[in-house]
Protein backbone atom coordinates (compact mmCIF):
# COMPACT_ATOMS: atom_id res chain seq x y z
CA UNK A 1 11.96 -2.38 7.85
CA UNK A 2 13.24 1.31 8.81
CA UNK A 3 12.70 2.29 5.12
CA UNK A 4 9.56 0.21 4.86
CA UNK A 5 8.02 2.01 8.20
CA UNK A 6 9.33 5.25 7.13
CA UNK A 7 7.07 5.07 4.04
CA UNK A 8 3.98 4.04 5.62
CA UNK A 9 4.61 7.06 8.36
CA UNK A 10 4.90 9.23 5.42
CA UNK A 11 1.44 7.84 4.03
CA UNK A 12 -0.15 8.60 7.30
CA UNK A 13 1.09 11.58 7.56
CA UNK A 14 -0.50 12.44 4.22
CA UNK A 15 -4.09 10.56 5.33
CA UNK A 16 -3.60 13.21 8.94
CA UNK A 17 -2.85 16.54 6.59
CA UNK A 18 -6.40 15.61 4.72
CA UNK A 19 -5.47 13.72 1.54
CA UNK A 20 -8.22 13.59 -0.42
CA UNK A 21 -9.75 10.54 -0.20
CA UNK A 22 -13.63 11.20 -1.45
CA UNK A 23 -15.71 8.40 -0.80
CA UNK A 24 -13.52 5.34 -1.65
CA UNK A 25 -13.44 2.94 1.04
CA UNK A 26 -10.90 -0.52 0.79
CA UNK A 27 -8.66 -2.45 3.02
CA UNK A 28 -5.34 -2.93 1.73
CA UNK A 29 -3.15 -5.35 3.14
CA UNK A 30 0.51 -5.47 2.22
CA UNK A 31 3.06 -8.46 2.25
CA UNK A 32 6.47 -7.27 1.92
CA UNK A 33 8.20 -10.16 3.17
CA UNK A 34 10.82 -11.13 6.48
CA UNK A 35 12.84 -7.58 5.67
CA UNK A 36 9.32 -5.15 5.41
CA UNK A 37 7.08 -7.22 7.49
CA UNK A 38 3.23 -6.83 7.21
CA UNK A 39 0.70 -3.68 6.75
CA UNK A 40 -2.40 -2.38 6.30
CA UNK A 41 -3.92 0.58 5.01
CA UNK A 42 -7.63 1.06 5.95
CA UNK A 43 -9.72 3.94 3.92
CA UNK A 44 -13.27 4.41 5.20
CA UNK A 45 -15.67 7.96 5.59
CA UNK A 46 -12.53 9.89 3.58
CA UNK A 47 -10.10 8.68 6.06
CA UNK A 48 -6.84 6.65 6.04
CA UNK A 49 -4.99 4.33 8.54
CA UNK A 50 -2.10 2.87 8.31
CA UNK A 51 -1.29 -0.08 10.82
CA UNK A 52 1.26 -3.19 11.35
CA UNK A 53 0.10 -6.37 10.81
CA UNK A 54 -2.59 -7.93 8.44
CA UNK A 55 -6.22 -7.07 8.72
CA UNK A 56 -8.40 -10.39 7.86
CA UNK A 57 -10.93 -8.20 6.34
CA UNK A 58 -8.53 -7.19 3.37
CA UNK A 59 -10.31 -6.14 -0.06
CA UNK A 60 -7.23 -5.87 -1.80
CA UNK A 61 -3.83 -7.60 -1.01
CA UNK A 62 -0.33 -6.54 -2.53
CA UNK A 63 2.80 -8.98 -2.14
CA UNK A 64 5.95 -7.64 -2.85
CA UNK A 65 9.61 -7.21 -1.73
CA UNK A 66 10.26 -4.88 0.83
CA UNK A 67 13.24 -3.05 -1.72
CA UNK A 68 10.52 -3.16 -4.71
CA UNK A 69 7.80 -1.50 -2.40
CA UNK A 70 10.10 1.28 -1.44
CA UNK A 71 11.25 1.61 -4.88
CA UNK A 72 7.57 1.89 -6.02
CA UNK A 73 6.68 4.49 -3.68
CA UNK A 74 9.75 6.79 -4.14
CA UNK A 75 9.17 6.31 -8.19
CA UNK A 76 12.20 4.21 -8.95
CA UNK A 77 10.34 1.29 -9.93
CA UNK A 78 7.31 0.97 -12.14
CA UNK A 79 4.07 -0.80 -10.62
CA UNK A 80 2.75 -1.76 -13.82
CA UNK A 81 6.47 -3.16 -14.63
CA UNK A 82 7.04 -5.25 -11.44
CA UNK A 83 3.59 -6.41 -11.89
CA UNK A 84 4.09 -8.03 -15.44
CA UNK A 85 7.44 -9.43 -14.15
CA UNK A 86 5.75 -11.29 -11.48
CA UNK A 87 7.83 -9.13 -9.25
CA UNK A 88 4.57 -7.69 -7.58
CA UNK A 89 1.12 -9.94 -6.80
CA UNK A 90 -2.08 -8.23 -6.61
CA UNK A 91 -5.08 -10.25 -5.39
CA UNK A 92 -8.59 -9.04 -4.58
CA UNK A 93 -10.45 -5.81 -5.79
CA UNK A 94 -8.53 -4.62 -9.00
CA UNK A 95 -10.34 -1.77 -9.01
CA UNK A 96 -9.38 -0.84 -5.63
CA UNK A 97 -5.57 -1.64 -6.91
CA UNK A 98 -5.59 0.50 -9.53
CA UNK A 99 -6.80 3.45 -6.63
CA UNK A 100 -3.39 2.52 -5.01
CA UNK A 101 -0.90 4.27 -6.67
CA UNK A 102 -2.21 7.76 -5.52
CA UNK A 103 -2.08 6.84 -2.02
CA UNK A 104 1.49 5.51 -2.33
CA UNK A 105 2.92 8.40 -4.48
């Protein structure tokens, strides 16, 4: 869980530093199993916010193991390969899912 929390803390710090999100809006939820917990990234009005727990109004839902999530965000695993092998599941707005890599990188 500490690697997962550190990853989400890093994403929040990038948001706080002014990551360019444009006019993009999305609510992502991440279910990372027992080891990683549940998380939400809310993007609205050019700002991003990371929260622990699942938002009920998610527009894009991601399910992946904590280990694969950390590997994906540190470029040790390819998100497309994880998706094609069934290790990464995405539901909801696929257009938003495609923009997720920029946020997680």
